[in-house]
Amino acid sequence: MKKILAILTILGIGAAVYYLNGPYIFPTSVALGPCWKDWTSPSSYEVRASPLKALHFTVGDVDGRLCYGSPESRGRRLFGPSGVVPFGQLWRMGANEPTRLFLNGPIQFGDLRLEAGRYSLYAEPGATTWRIFATTSIWHWGNQISAEVKNQSVGSTEAPVVRKGAHEESLRFKMEGNVLAMMWGFTRIQIPLAPAG
């Protein structure tokens, strides 16, 4: 009976760890899995105005997944002076949790090489270009981009700002050929992706 209780306890703990951490406990080469809420924040237990969304993509032989909160503009000025995100301020590129990138192999992310693994992305928006940072810190909450988070950065790349097309009410990412595009309001940024050389 003690063995059965021990096994059930271990299975229960394992199930709880997976439920809370999702695929983050497994190597990305084994499982990318779904996007998961960060249940350590009290706001995760409330109905969210910004739903958690996922973008699955392929770069050569590498599979990737991007998890991000998708806020709506709701008539607000989004970027720049008096915007939701002022120029020069670090931003999580979404809402709630940090925007997380999962790769099961290496890719070229702009001019930055990213190895297989888990990353959070954050940006420093500007009028004509954004600087996009990748960090191995995936457990910090959203915009809490502390010195510790910055110290885990693996590098950054620049992305041009393109203003064109219709207004995007909800922030979204999509692949356009070999380019990862983020669109919100009338602002669009583009990051070229390529197989790692």
C-alpha atoms as a PDB file:
ATOM      1  CA  MET A   1       0.000   0.000   0.000  1.00  0.00           C
ATOM      2  CA  LYS A   2       2.869   2.379   0.814  1.00  0.00           C
ATOM      3  CA  LYS A   3       4.398   1.762  -2.619  1.00  0.00           C
ATOM      4  CA  ILE A   4       1.107   2.542  -4.328  1.00  0.00           C
ATOM      5  CA  LEU A   5       0.734   5.761  -2.318  1.00  0.00           C
ATOM      6  CA  ALA A   6       4.319   6.726  -3.136  1.00  0.00           C
ATOM      7  CA  ILE A   7       3.756   6.112  -6.862  1.00  0.00           C
ATOM      8  CA  LEU A   8       0.477   8.049  -6.815  1.00  0.00           C
ATOM      9  CA  THR A   9       2.177  10.906  -4.961  1.00  0.00           C
ATOM     10  CA  ILE A  10       5.015  11.029  -7.498  1.00  0.00           C
ATOM     11  CA  LEU A  11       2.538  10.919 -10.404  1.00  0.00           C
ATOM     12  CA  GLY A  12       0.441  13.634  -8.771  1.00  0.00           C
ATOM     13  CA  ILE A  13       3.463  15.865  -8.245  1.00  0.00           C
ATOM     14  CA  GLY A  14       4.590  15.213 -11.814  1.00  0.00           C
ATOM     15  CA  ALA A  15       1.135  16.076 -13.170  1.00  0.00           C
ATOM     16  CA  ALA A  16       1.033  19.272 -11.065  1.00  0.00           C
ATOM     17  CA  VAL A  17       4.499  20.322 -12.245  1.00  0.00           C
ATOM     18  CA  TYR A  18       3.519  19.740 -15.873  1.00  0.00           C
ATOM     19  CA  TYR A  19       0.199  21.546 -15.407  1.00  0.00           C
ATOM     20  CA  LEU A  20       1.914  24.581 -13.881  1.00  0.00           C
ATOM     21  CA  ASN A  21       4.955  24.594 -16.154  1.00  0.00           C
ATOM     22  CA  GLY A  22       3.588  23.052 -19.317  1.00  0.00           C
ATOM     23  CA  PRO A  23       6.210  21.982 -21.817  1.00  0.00           C
ATOM     24  CA  TYR A  24       8.880  24.114 -20.113  1.00  0.00           C
ATOM     25  CA  ILE A  25      10.103  21.107 -18.101  1.00  0.00           C
ATOM     26  CA  PHE A  26      10.943  19.187 -21.291  1.00  0.00           C
ATOM     27  CA  PRO A  27      13.754  19.920 -23.745  1.00  0.00           C
ATOM     28  CA  THR A  28      12.449  21.823 -26.769  1.00  0.00           C
ATOM     29  CA  SER A  29      13.850  19.028 -28.943  1.00  0.00           C
ATOM     30  CA  VAL A  30      11.307  16.670 -27.336  1.00  0.00           C
ATOM     31  CA  ALA A  31       8.158  18.777 -27.065  1.00  0.00           C
ATOM     32  CA  LEU A  32       7.151  22.321 -27.883  1.00  0.00           C
ATOM     33  CA  GLY A  33       3.659  21.810 -26.469  1.00  0.00           C
ATOM     34  CA  PRO A  34       0.955  24.428 -25.990  1.00  0.00           C
ATOM     35  CA  CYS A  35       1.232  27.948 -24.620  1.00  0.00           C
ATOM     36  CA  TRP A  36       0.521  28.121 -20.901  1.00  0.00           C
ATOM     37  CA  LYS A  37      -0.506  30.900 -18.556  1.00  0.00           C
ATOM     38  CA  ASP A  38       1.887  31.837 -15.777  1.00  0.00           C
ATOM     39  CA  TRP A  39      -0.208  30.726 -12.806  1.00  0.00           C
ATOM     40  CA  THR A  40       2.132  32.433 -10.311  1.00  0.00           C
ATOM     41  CA  SER A  41       0.407  35.790 -10.980  1.00  0.00           C
ATOM     42  CA  PRO A  42      -2.932  36.491  -9.277  1.00  0.00           C
ATOM     43  CA  SER A  43      -4.204  38.011 -12.537  1.00  0.00           C
ATOM     44  CA  SER A  44      -3.879  34.611 -14.218  1.00  0.00           C
ATOM     45  CA  TYR A  45      -6.956  33.456 -12.301  1.00  0.00           C
ATOM     46  CA  GLU A  46      -9.103  36.300 -13.650  1.00  0.00           C
ATOM     47  CA  VAL A  47     -10.740  36.659 -17.050  1.00  0.00           C
ATOM     48  CA  ARG A  48      -8.182  38.389 -19.249  1.00  0.00           C
ATOM     49  CA  ALA A  49      -8.844  41.255 -21.610  1.00  0.00           C
ATOM     50  CA  SER A  50      -5.786  40.130 -23.619  1.00  0.00           C
ATOM     51  CA  PRO A  51      -6.028  36.440 -24.577  1.00  0.00           C
ATOM     52  CA  LEU A  52      -2.955  34.222 -24.757  1.00  0.00           C
ATOM     53  CA  LYS A  53      -2.264  33.310 -28.393  1.00  0.00           C
ATOM     54  CA  ALA A  54       0.222  31.075 -30.184  1.00  0.00           C
ATOM     55  CA  LEU A  55       1.974  31.150 -33.526  1.00  0.00           C
ATOM     56  CA  HIS A  56       3.514  27.913 -34.786  1.00  0.00           C
ATOM     57  CA  PHE A  57       6.059  28.206 -37.579  1.00  0.00           C
ATOM     58  CA  THR A  58       8.846  26.367 -39.376  1.00  0.00           C
ATOM     59  CA  VAL A  59      12.242  27.701 -40.444  1.00  0.00           C
ATOM     60  CA  GLY A  60      13.984  25.087 -42.568  1.00  0.00           C
ATOM     61  CA  ASP A  61      13.933  21.946 -40.398  1.00  0.00           C
ATOM     62  CA  VAL A  62      13.355  23.865 -37.159  1.00  0.00           C
ATOM     63  CA  ASP A  63       9.940  24.095 -35.516  1.00  0.00           C
ATOM     64  CA  GLY A  64       9.108  27.135 -33.434  1.00  0.00           C
ATOM     65  CA  ARG A  65       6.310  28.441 -31.301  1.00  0.00           C
ATOM     66  CA  LEU A  66       5.679  32.018 -30.182  1.00  0.00           C
ATOM     67  CA  CYS A  67       3.357  32.603 -27.199  1.00  0.00           C
ATOM     68  CA  TYR A  68       2.053  36.111 -26.564  1.00  0.00           C
ATOM     69  CA  GLY A  69      -0.757  38.064 -24.935  1.00  0.00           C
ATOM     70  CA  SER A  70      -2.868  39.890 -27.525  1.00  0.00           C
ATOM     71  CA  PRO A  71      -4.114  43.286 -26.272  1.00  0.00           C
ATOM     72  CA  GLU A  72      -6.554  45.492 -28.192  1.00  0.00           C
ATOM     73  CA  SER A  73      -5.868  49.105 -29.064  1.00  0.00           C
ATOM     74  CA  ARG A  74      -9.306  50.381 -27.893  1.00  0.00           C
ATOM     75  CA  GLY A  75      -8.725  53.768 -29.492  1.00  0.00           C
ATOM     76  CA  ARG A  76      -5.494  54.407 -27.616  1.00  0.00           C
ATOM     77  CA  ARG A  77      -2.310  55.891 -29.022  1.00  0.00           C
ATOM     78  CA  LEU A  78      -0.021  52.852 -28.970  1.00  0.00           C
ATOM     79  CA  PHE A  79       3.597  53.881 -29.595  1.00  0.00           C
ATOM     80  CA  GLY A  80       5.628  57.035 -29.136  1.00  0.00           C
ATOM     81  CA  PRO A  81       5.087  60.169 -27.050  1.00  0.00           C
ATOM     82  CA  SER A  82       2.010  59.808 -24.808  1.00  0.00           C
ATOM     83  CA  GLY A  83       1.507  56.282 -26.175  1.00  0.00           C
ATOM     84  CA  VAL A  84       0.844  53.059 -24.283  1.00  0.00           C
ATOM     85  CA  VAL A  85       4.479  52.175 -25.078  1.00  0.00           C
ATOM     86  CA  PRO A  86       6.745  55.261 -25.265  1.00  0.00           C
ATOM     87  CA  PHE A  87       9.751  55.170 -27.577  1.00  0.00           C
ATOM     88  CA  GLY A  88      12.895  54.035 -25.772  1.00  0.00           C
ATOM     89  CA  GLN A  89      10.997  52.093 -23.077  1.00  0.00           C
ATOM     90  CA  LEU A  90      11.478  48.318 -22.811  1.00  0.00           C
ATOM     91  CA  TRP A  91       8.296  46.414 -23.576  1.00  0.00           C
ATOM     92  CA  ARG A  92       7.284  42.728 -23.498  1.00  0.00           C
ATOM     93  CA  MET A  93       5.767  42.831 -27.032  1.00  0.00           C
ATOM     94  CA  GLY A  94       2.342  41.811 -25.801  1.00  0.00           C
ATOM     95  CA  ALA A  95       0.345  41.607 -22.579  1.00  0.00           C
ATOM     96  CA  ASN A  96       0.573  39.667 -19.309  1.00  0.00           C
ATOM     97  CA  GLU A  97       3.400  37.069 -19.505  1.00  0.00           C
ATOM     98  CA  PRO A  98       6.500  37.877 -21.500  1.00  0.00           C
ATOM     99  CA  THR A  99       6.346  36.995 -25.174  1.00  0.00           C
ATOM    100  CA  ARG A 100       8.011  33.559 -25.255  1.00  0.00           C
ATOM    101  CA  LEU A 101       9.799  31.911 -28.163  1.00  0.00           C
ATOM    102  CA  PHE A 102      10.447  28.153 -28.267  1.00  0.00           C
ATOM    103  CA  LEU A 103      12.794  26.560 -30.804  1.00  0.00           C
ATOM    104  CA  ASN A 104      13.738  22.911 -31.269  1.00  0.00           C
ATOM    105  CA  GLY A 105      16.807  23.847 -33.319  1.00  0.00           C
ATOM    106  CA  PRO A 106      18.983  26.854 -34.167  1.00  0.00           C
ATOM    107  CA  ILE A 107      17.752  29.702 -36.366  1.00  0.00           C
ATOM    108  CA  GLN A 108      18.913  33.093 -37.543  1.00  0.00           C
ATOM    109  CA  PHE A 109      16.643  35.690 -35.905  1.00  0.00           C
ATOM    110  CA  GLY A 110      17.421  38.882 -37.792  1.00  0.00           C
ATOM    111  CA  ASP A 111      21.196  39.135 -37.396  1.00  0.00           C
ATOM    112  CA  LEU A 112      21.093  37.202 -34.097  1.00  0.00           C
ATOM    113  CA  ARG A 113      21.715  33.452 -33.987  1.00  0.00           C
ATOM    114  CA  LEU A 114      19.418  31.646 -31.535  1.00  0.00           C
ATOM    115  CA  GLU A 115      20.160  28.077 -30.492  1.00  0.00           C
ATOM    116  CA  ALA A 116      17.488  25.504 -29.642  1.00  0.00           C
ATOM    117  CA  GLY A 117      15.822  26.570 -26.423  1.00  0.00           C
ATOM    118  CA  ARG A 118      13.367  28.863 -24.716  1.00  0.00           C
ATOM    119  CA  TYR A 119      13.541  32.633 -24.882  1.00  0.00           C
ATOM    120  CA  SER A 120      11.548  35.681 -23.901  1.00  0.00           C
ATOM    121  CA  LEU A 121      11.462  38.556 -26.343  1.00  0.00           C
ATOM    122  CA  TYR A 122      11.252  42.198 -25.408  1.00  0.00           C
ATOM    123  CA  ALA A 123      11.662  45.334 -27.462  1.00  0.00           C
ATOM    124  CA  GLU A 124      12.839  48.906 -27.278  1.00  0.00           C
ATOM    125  CA  PRO A 125      10.533  50.642 -29.792  1.00  0.00           C
ATOM    126  CA  GLY A 126      11.697  53.610 -31.831  1.00  0.00           C
ATOM    127  CA  ALA A 127      10.162  55.793 -34.534  1.00  0.00           C
ATOM    128  CA  THR A 128      11.810  53.976 -37.472  1.00  0.00           C
ATOM    129  CA  THR A 129      13.445  50.871 -35.959  1.00  0.00           C
ATOM    130  CA  TRP A 130      12.959  48.680 -32.926  1.00  0.00           C
ATOM    131  CA  ARG A 131      15.662  46.804 -31.056  1.00  0.00           C
ATOM    132  CA  ILE A 132      14.440  43.286 -30.226  1.00  0.00           C
ATOM    133  CA  PHE A 133      16.153  41.456 -27.352  1.00  0.00           C
ATOM    134  CA  ALA A 134      16.125  37.705 -26.651  1.00  0.00           C
ATOM    135  CA  THR A 135      16.715  36.512 -23.089  1.00  0.00           C
ATOM    136  CA  THR A 136      16.759  33.067 -21.549  1.00  0.00           C
ATOM    137  CA  SER A 137      14.661  34.406 -18.647  1.00  0.00           C
ATOM    138  CA  ILE A 138      11.155  33.058 -19.244  1.00  0.00           C
ATOM    139  CA  TRP A 139       9.751  33.176 -15.704  1.00  0.00           C
ATOM    140  CA  HIS A 140       9.674  36.926 -15.053  1.00  0.00           C
ATOM    141  CA  TRP A 141       6.277  38.588 -15.255  1.00  0.00           C
ATOM    142  CA  GLY A 142       5.662  40.647 -18.386  1.00  0.00           C
ATOM    143  CA  ASN A 143       7.253  44.059 -18.196  1.00  0.00           C
ATOM    144  CA  GLN A 144       9.336  43.287 -15.099  1.00  0.00           C
ATOM    145  CA  ILE A 145      12.475  43.499 -17.214  1.00  0.00           C
ATOM    146  CA  SER A 146      14.965  43.717 -14.368  1.00  0.00           C
ATOM    147  CA  ALA A 147      18.764  43.746 -14.399  1.00  0.00           C
ATOM    148  CA  GLU A 148      18.610  39.966 -13.852  1.00  0.00           C
ATOM    149  CA  VAL A 149      16.430  39.518 -16.953  1.00  0.00           C
ATOM    150  CA  LYS A 150      18.750  41.761 -18.970  1.00  0.00           C
ATOM    151  CA  ASN A 151      21.795  39.807 -17.742  1.00  0.00           C
ATOM    152  CA  GLN A 152      20.301  36.664 -19.302  1.00  0.00           C
ATOM    153  CA  SER A 153      19.989  38.317 -22.719  1.00  0.00           C
ATOM    154  CA  VAL A 154      21.718  36.430 -25.514  1.00  0.00           C
ATOM    155  CA  GLY A 155      21.720  39.425 -27.841  1.00  0.00           C
ATOM    156  CA  SER A 156      19.535  41.714 -29.882  1.00  0.00           C
ATOM    157  CA  THR A 157      18.639  42.590 -33.448  1.00  0.00           C
ATOM    158  CA  GLU A 158      17.068  45.574 -35.168  1.00  0.00           C
ATOM    159  CA  ALA A 159      13.698  45.437 -36.900  1.00  0.00           C
ATOM    160  CA  PRO A 160      12.412  48.154 -39.245  1.00  0.00           C
ATOM    161  CA  VAL A 161       9.045  49.787 -38.593  1.00  0.00           C
ATOM    162  CA  VAL A 162       6.666  49.622 -41.536  1.00  0.00           C
ATOM    163  CA  ARG A 163       3.414  51.558 -41.463  1.00  0.00           C
ATOM    164  CA  LYS A 164       1.042  50.229 -44.054  1.00  0.00           C
ATOM    165  CA  GLY A 165      -2.248  48.505 -44.517  1.00  0.00           C
ATOM    166  CA  ALA A 166      -5.335  48.438 -42.352  1.00  0.00           C
ATOM    167  CA  HIS A 167      -5.495  49.113 -38.643  1.00  0.00           C
ATOM    168  CA  GLU A 168      -4.957  45.995 -36.497  1.00  0.00           C
ATOM    169  CA  GLU A 169      -7.185  46.253 -33.435  1.00  0.00           C
ATOM    170  CA  SER A 170      -5.586  43.254 -31.690  1.00  0.00           C
ATOM    171  CA  LEU A 171      -1.849  42.735 -31.495  1.00  0.00           C
ATOM    172  CA  ARG A 172      -0.852  39.737 -33.561  1.00  0.00           C
ATOM    173  CA  PHE A 173       2.192  37.977 -34.932  1.00  0.00           C
ATOM    174  CA  LYS A 174       2.228  36.109 -38.224  1.00  0.00           C
ATOM    175  CA  MET A 175       4.706  34.622 -40.641  1.00  0.00           C
ATOM    176  CA  GLU A 176       4.925  36.256 -44.060  1.00  0.00           C
ATOM    177  CA  GLY A 177       7.215  33.966 -46.015  1.00  0.00           C
ATOM    178  CA  ASN A 178      10.488  34.008 -44.087  1.00  0.00           C
ATOM    179  CA  VAL A 179       9.591  37.143 -42.083  1.00  0.00           C
ATOM    180  CA  LEU A 180       8.086  37.252 -38.595  1.00  0.00           C
ATOM    181  CA  ALA A 181       5.747  40.258 -38.505  1.00  0.00           C
ATOM    182  CA  MET A 182       4.206  41.896 -35.442  1.00  0.00           C
ATOM    183  CA  MET A 183       1.235  44.159 -36.102  1.00  0.00           C
ATOM    184  CA  TRP A 184      -0.684  46.430 -33.764  1.00  0.00           C
ATOM    185  CA  GLY A 185      -2.579  49.563 -34.693  1.00  0.00           C
ATOM    186  CA  PHE A 186      -0.918  50.971 -37.799  1.00  0.00           C
ATOM    187  CA  THR A 187       2.548  49.794 -36.705  1.00  0.00           C
ATOM    188  CA  ARG A 188       4.193  46.720 -38.149  1.00  0.00           C
ATOM    189  CA  ILE A 189       7.681  45.431 -37.471  1.00  0.00           C
ATOM    190  CA  GLN A 190       9.415  42.731 -39.489  1.00  0.00           C
ATOM    191  CA  ILE A 191      12.121  40.287 -38.379  1.00  0.00           C
ATOM    192  CA  PRO A 192      13.646  38.034 -41.046  1.00  0.00           C
ATOM    193  CA  LEU A 193      14.088  34.393 -39.981  1.00  0.00           C
ATOM    194  CA  ALA A 194      16.400  31.925 -41.671  1.00  0.00           C
ATOM    195  CA  PRO A 195      18.026  28.534 -41.047  1.00  0.00           C
ATOM    196  CA  ALA A 196      21.188  28.936 -38.988  1.00  0.00           C
ATOM    197  CA  GLY A 197      24.300  28.734 -41.141  1.00  0.00           C
END
